[in-house]
């Protein structure tokens, strides 16, 4: 039996995520998000190559300025990989929490 190690709730989202890999900017989608990390969807030719262990990321939550930090790959599959945010400002973690809270309220209507 696998042990659940998540420390915060995860939410289904569709958020643009930019990863900086090998000096290049790659556009992906975060399809699952928490204050601690994200499930990232890669597609097309980008899915053929796995993500690096640690990479810079930017999340676009629709607030104008992207949230910037470092993410560590936790696991990787063909088109998906999970990351943990290893360097992200507390204010950015709060922005994620507020974004997820607003999504939850909208979904409950």
C-alpha atoms as a PDB file:
ATOM      1  CA  UNK A   1       0.000   0.000   0.000  1.00  0.00           C
ATOM      2  CA  UNK A   2       1.364   3.422  -0.972  1.00  0.00           C
ATOM      3  CA  UNK A   3       1.640   6.051   1.722  1.00  0.00           C
ATOM      4  CA  UNK A   4       0.064   9.446   0.968  1.00  0.00           C
ATOM      5  CA  UNK A   5       2.746  12.119   1.469  1.00  0.00           C
ATOM      6  CA  UNK A   6       0.923  15.238   0.299  1.00  0.00           C
ATOM      7  CA  UNK A   7       0.846  18.088   2.787  1.00  0.00           C
ATOM      8  CA  UNK A   8      -1.757  20.247   1.067  1.00  0.00           C
ATOM      9  CA  UNK A   9      -4.963  19.761  -0.905  1.00  0.00           C
ATOM     10  CA  UNK A  10      -4.744  19.472  -4.694  1.00  0.00           C
ATOM     11  CA  UNK A  11      -7.185  20.952  -7.171  1.00  0.00           C
ATOM     12  CA  UNK A  12      -7.913  20.272 -10.843  1.00  0.00           C
ATOM     13  CA  UNK A  13      -6.959  23.338 -12.884  1.00  0.00           C
ATOM     14  CA  UNK A  14      -5.928  24.371 -16.370  1.00  0.00           C
ATOM     15  CA  UNK A  15      -3.127  26.872 -15.775  1.00  0.00           C
ATOM     16  CA  UNK A  16      -0.338  27.878 -18.178  1.00  0.00           C
ATOM     17  CA  UNK A  17       3.070  26.874 -16.839  1.00  0.00           C
ATOM     18  CA  UNK A  18       6.343  27.916 -18.434  1.00  0.00           C
ATOM     19  CA  UNK A  19       9.385  25.756 -17.737  1.00  0.00           C
ATOM     20  CA  UNK A  20      12.893  26.877 -18.543  1.00  0.00           C
ATOM     21  CA  UNK A  21      14.735  23.803 -19.810  1.00  0.00           C
ATOM     22  CA  UNK A  22      18.213  23.860 -21.356  1.00  0.00           C
ATOM     23  CA  UNK A  23      18.010  27.637 -21.715  1.00  0.00           C
ATOM     24  CA  UNK A  24      14.747  27.407 -23.632  1.00  0.00           C
ATOM     25  CA  UNK A  25      11.247  28.434 -22.678  1.00  0.00           C
ATOM     26  CA  UNK A  26       8.718  25.556 -22.845  1.00  0.00           C
ATOM     27  CA  UNK A  27       4.975  26.105 -22.496  1.00  0.00           C
ATOM     28  CA  UNK A  28       3.086  23.405 -20.600  1.00  0.00           C
ATOM     29  CA  UNK A  29      -0.186  23.162 -18.641  1.00  0.00           C
ATOM     30  CA  UNK A  30      -0.577  22.587 -14.916  1.00  0.00           C
ATOM     31  CA  UNK A  31      -3.616  20.320 -14.662  1.00  0.00           C
ATOM     32  CA  UNK A  32      -3.474  19.720 -10.924  1.00  0.00           C
ATOM     33  CA  UNK A  33      -2.189  22.339  -8.468  1.00  0.00           C
ATOM     34  CA  UNK A  34      -1.491  22.823  -4.785  1.00  0.00           C
ATOM     35  CA  UNK A  35       0.615  25.241  -2.771  1.00  0.00           C
ATOM     36  CA  UNK A  36       3.336  22.575  -2.717  1.00  0.00           C
ATOM     37  CA  UNK A  37       3.472  21.460  -6.358  1.00  0.00           C
ATOM     38  CA  UNK A  38       1.730  20.632  -9.617  1.00  0.00           C
ATOM     39  CA  UNK A  39       0.934  17.911 -12.099  1.00  0.00           C
ATOM     40  CA  UNK A  40       2.244  19.140 -15.440  1.00  0.00           C
ATOM     41  CA  UNK A  41       1.005  18.019 -18.858  1.00  0.00           C
ATOM     42  CA  UNK A  42       3.529  17.934 -21.678  1.00  0.00           C
ATOM     43  CA  UNK A  43       2.414  17.317 -25.240  1.00  0.00           C
ATOM     44  CA  UNK A  44       3.687  16.597 -28.739  1.00  0.00           C
ATOM     45  CA  UNK A  45       7.434  16.581 -29.297  1.00  0.00           C
ATOM     46  CA  UNK A  46       7.927  18.006 -25.806  1.00  0.00           C
ATOM     47  CA  UNK A  47       6.594  14.773 -24.321  1.00  0.00           C
ATOM     48  CA  UNK A  48       9.362  12.709 -25.931  1.00  0.00           C
ATOM     49  CA  UNK A  49      11.994  14.092 -23.625  1.00  0.00           C
ATOM     50  CA  UNK A  50      11.674  13.886 -19.870  1.00  0.00           C
ATOM     51  CA  UNK A  51      11.954  16.961 -17.669  1.00  0.00           C
ATOM     52  CA  UNK A  52      15.179  17.853 -15.844  1.00  0.00           C
ATOM     53  CA  UNK A  53      15.441  17.126 -12.137  1.00  0.00           C
ATOM     54  CA  UNK A  54      15.236  20.818 -11.164  1.00  0.00           C
ATOM     55  CA  UNK A  55      14.036  23.649 -13.377  1.00  0.00           C
ATOM     56  CA  UNK A  56      12.764  27.208 -13.167  1.00  0.00           C
ATOM     57  CA  UNK A  57       9.036  27.628 -13.673  1.00  0.00           C
ATOM     58  CA  UNK A  58       6.495  30.405 -14.094  1.00  0.00           C
ATOM     59  CA  UNK A  59       2.804  29.975 -13.312  1.00  0.00           C
ATOM     60  CA  UNK A  60       0.209  32.250 -14.896  1.00  0.00           C
ATOM     61  CA  UNK A  61      -2.762  32.556 -12.559  1.00  0.00           C
ATOM     62  CA  UNK A  62      -4.354  35.414 -14.484  1.00  0.00           C
ATOM     63  CA  UNK A  63      -3.079  38.146 -12.177  1.00  0.00           C
ATOM     64  CA  UNK A  64      -0.734  39.757 -14.689  1.00  0.00           C
ATOM     65  CA  UNK A  65       2.643  38.989 -13.126  1.00  0.00           C
ATOM     66  CA  UNK A  66       3.622  35.299 -13.241  1.00  0.00           C
ATOM     67  CA  UNK A  67       4.671  33.434 -10.109  1.00  0.00           C
ATOM     68  CA  UNK A  68       8.310  32.402 -10.447  1.00  0.00           C
ATOM     69  CA  UNK A  69      10.174  29.662  -8.635  1.00  0.00           C
ATOM     70  CA  UNK A  70      12.124  26.440  -8.839  1.00  0.00           C
ATOM     71  CA  UNK A  71      10.474  23.051  -9.177  1.00  0.00           C
ATOM     72  CA  UNK A  72      11.894  19.574  -8.613  1.00  0.00           C
ATOM     73  CA  UNK A  73      10.565  16.680 -10.663  1.00  0.00           C
ATOM     74  CA  UNK A  74       9.051  14.074  -8.338  1.00  0.00           C
ATOM     75  CA  UNK A  75       8.059  11.589 -11.045  1.00  0.00           C
ATOM     76  CA  UNK A  76       7.753  11.598 -14.799  1.00  0.00           C
ATOM     77  CA  UNK A  77       5.698   9.668 -17.334  1.00  0.00           C
ATOM     78  CA  UNK A  78       5.235   9.966 -21.078  1.00  0.00           C
ATOM     79  CA  UNK A  79       3.044  13.097 -21.108  1.00  0.00           C
ATOM     80  CA  UNK A  80       2.812  14.008 -17.428  1.00  0.00           C
ATOM     81  CA  UNK A  81       5.237  14.870 -14.703  1.00  0.00           C
ATOM     82  CA  UNK A  82       4.760  15.928 -11.126  1.00  0.00           C
ATOM     83  CA  UNK A  83       6.794  18.713  -9.563  1.00  0.00           C
ATOM     84  CA  UNK A  84       7.303  19.979  -6.060  1.00  0.00           C
ATOM     85  CA  UNK A  85       7.970  23.671  -5.628  1.00  0.00           C
ATOM     86  CA  UNK A  86      11.329  23.836  -3.863  1.00  0.00           C
ATOM     87  CA  UNK A  87      11.812  27.591  -4.115  1.00  0.00           C
ATOM     88  CA  UNK A  88       8.693  29.727  -4.222  1.00  0.00           C
ATOM     89  CA  UNK A  89       8.101  32.920  -2.239  1.00  0.00           C
ATOM     90  CA  UNK A  90       5.588  32.711   0.606  1.00  0.00           C
ATOM     91  CA  UNK A  91       3.559  35.454  -1.101  1.00  0.00           C
ATOM     92  CA  UNK A  92       3.378  33.276  -4.233  1.00  0.00           C
ATOM     93  CA  UNK A  93       2.226  30.250  -2.220  1.00  0.00           C
ATOM     94  CA  UNK A  94      -0.448  32.489  -0.725  1.00  0.00           C
ATOM     95  CA  UNK A  95      -1.457  33.636  -4.236  1.00  0.00           C
ATOM     96  CA  UNK A  96      -1.870  29.972  -5.239  1.00  0.00           C
ATOM     97  CA  UNK A  97      -3.979  29.277  -2.134  1.00  0.00           C
ATOM     98  CA  UNK A  98      -6.193  32.297  -2.864  1.00  0.00           C
ATOM     99  CA  UNK A  99      -6.561  31.255  -6.511  1.00  0.00           C
ATOM    100  CA  UNK A 100      -7.586  27.731  -5.508  1.00  0.00           C
ATOM    101  CA  UNK A 101      -9.991  29.077  -2.878  1.00  0.00           C
ATOM    102  CA  UNK A 102     -11.645  31.314  -5.496  1.00  0.00           C
ATOM    103  CA  UNK A 103     -11.971  28.330  -7.878  1.00  0.00           C
ATOM    104  CA  UNK A 104     -13.602  26.271  -5.137  1.00  0.00           C
ATOM    105  CA  UNK A 105     -16.115  29.016  -4.358  1.00  0.00           C
ATOM    106  CA  UNK A 106     -16.988  29.427  -8.076  1.00  0.00           C
ATOM    107  CA  UNK A 107     -17.476  25.692  -8.537  1.00  0.00           C
ATOM    108  CA  UNK A 108     -19.815  25.510  -5.559  1.00  0.00           C
ATOM    109  CA  UNK A 109     -21.715  28.427  -7.083  1.00  0.00           C
END
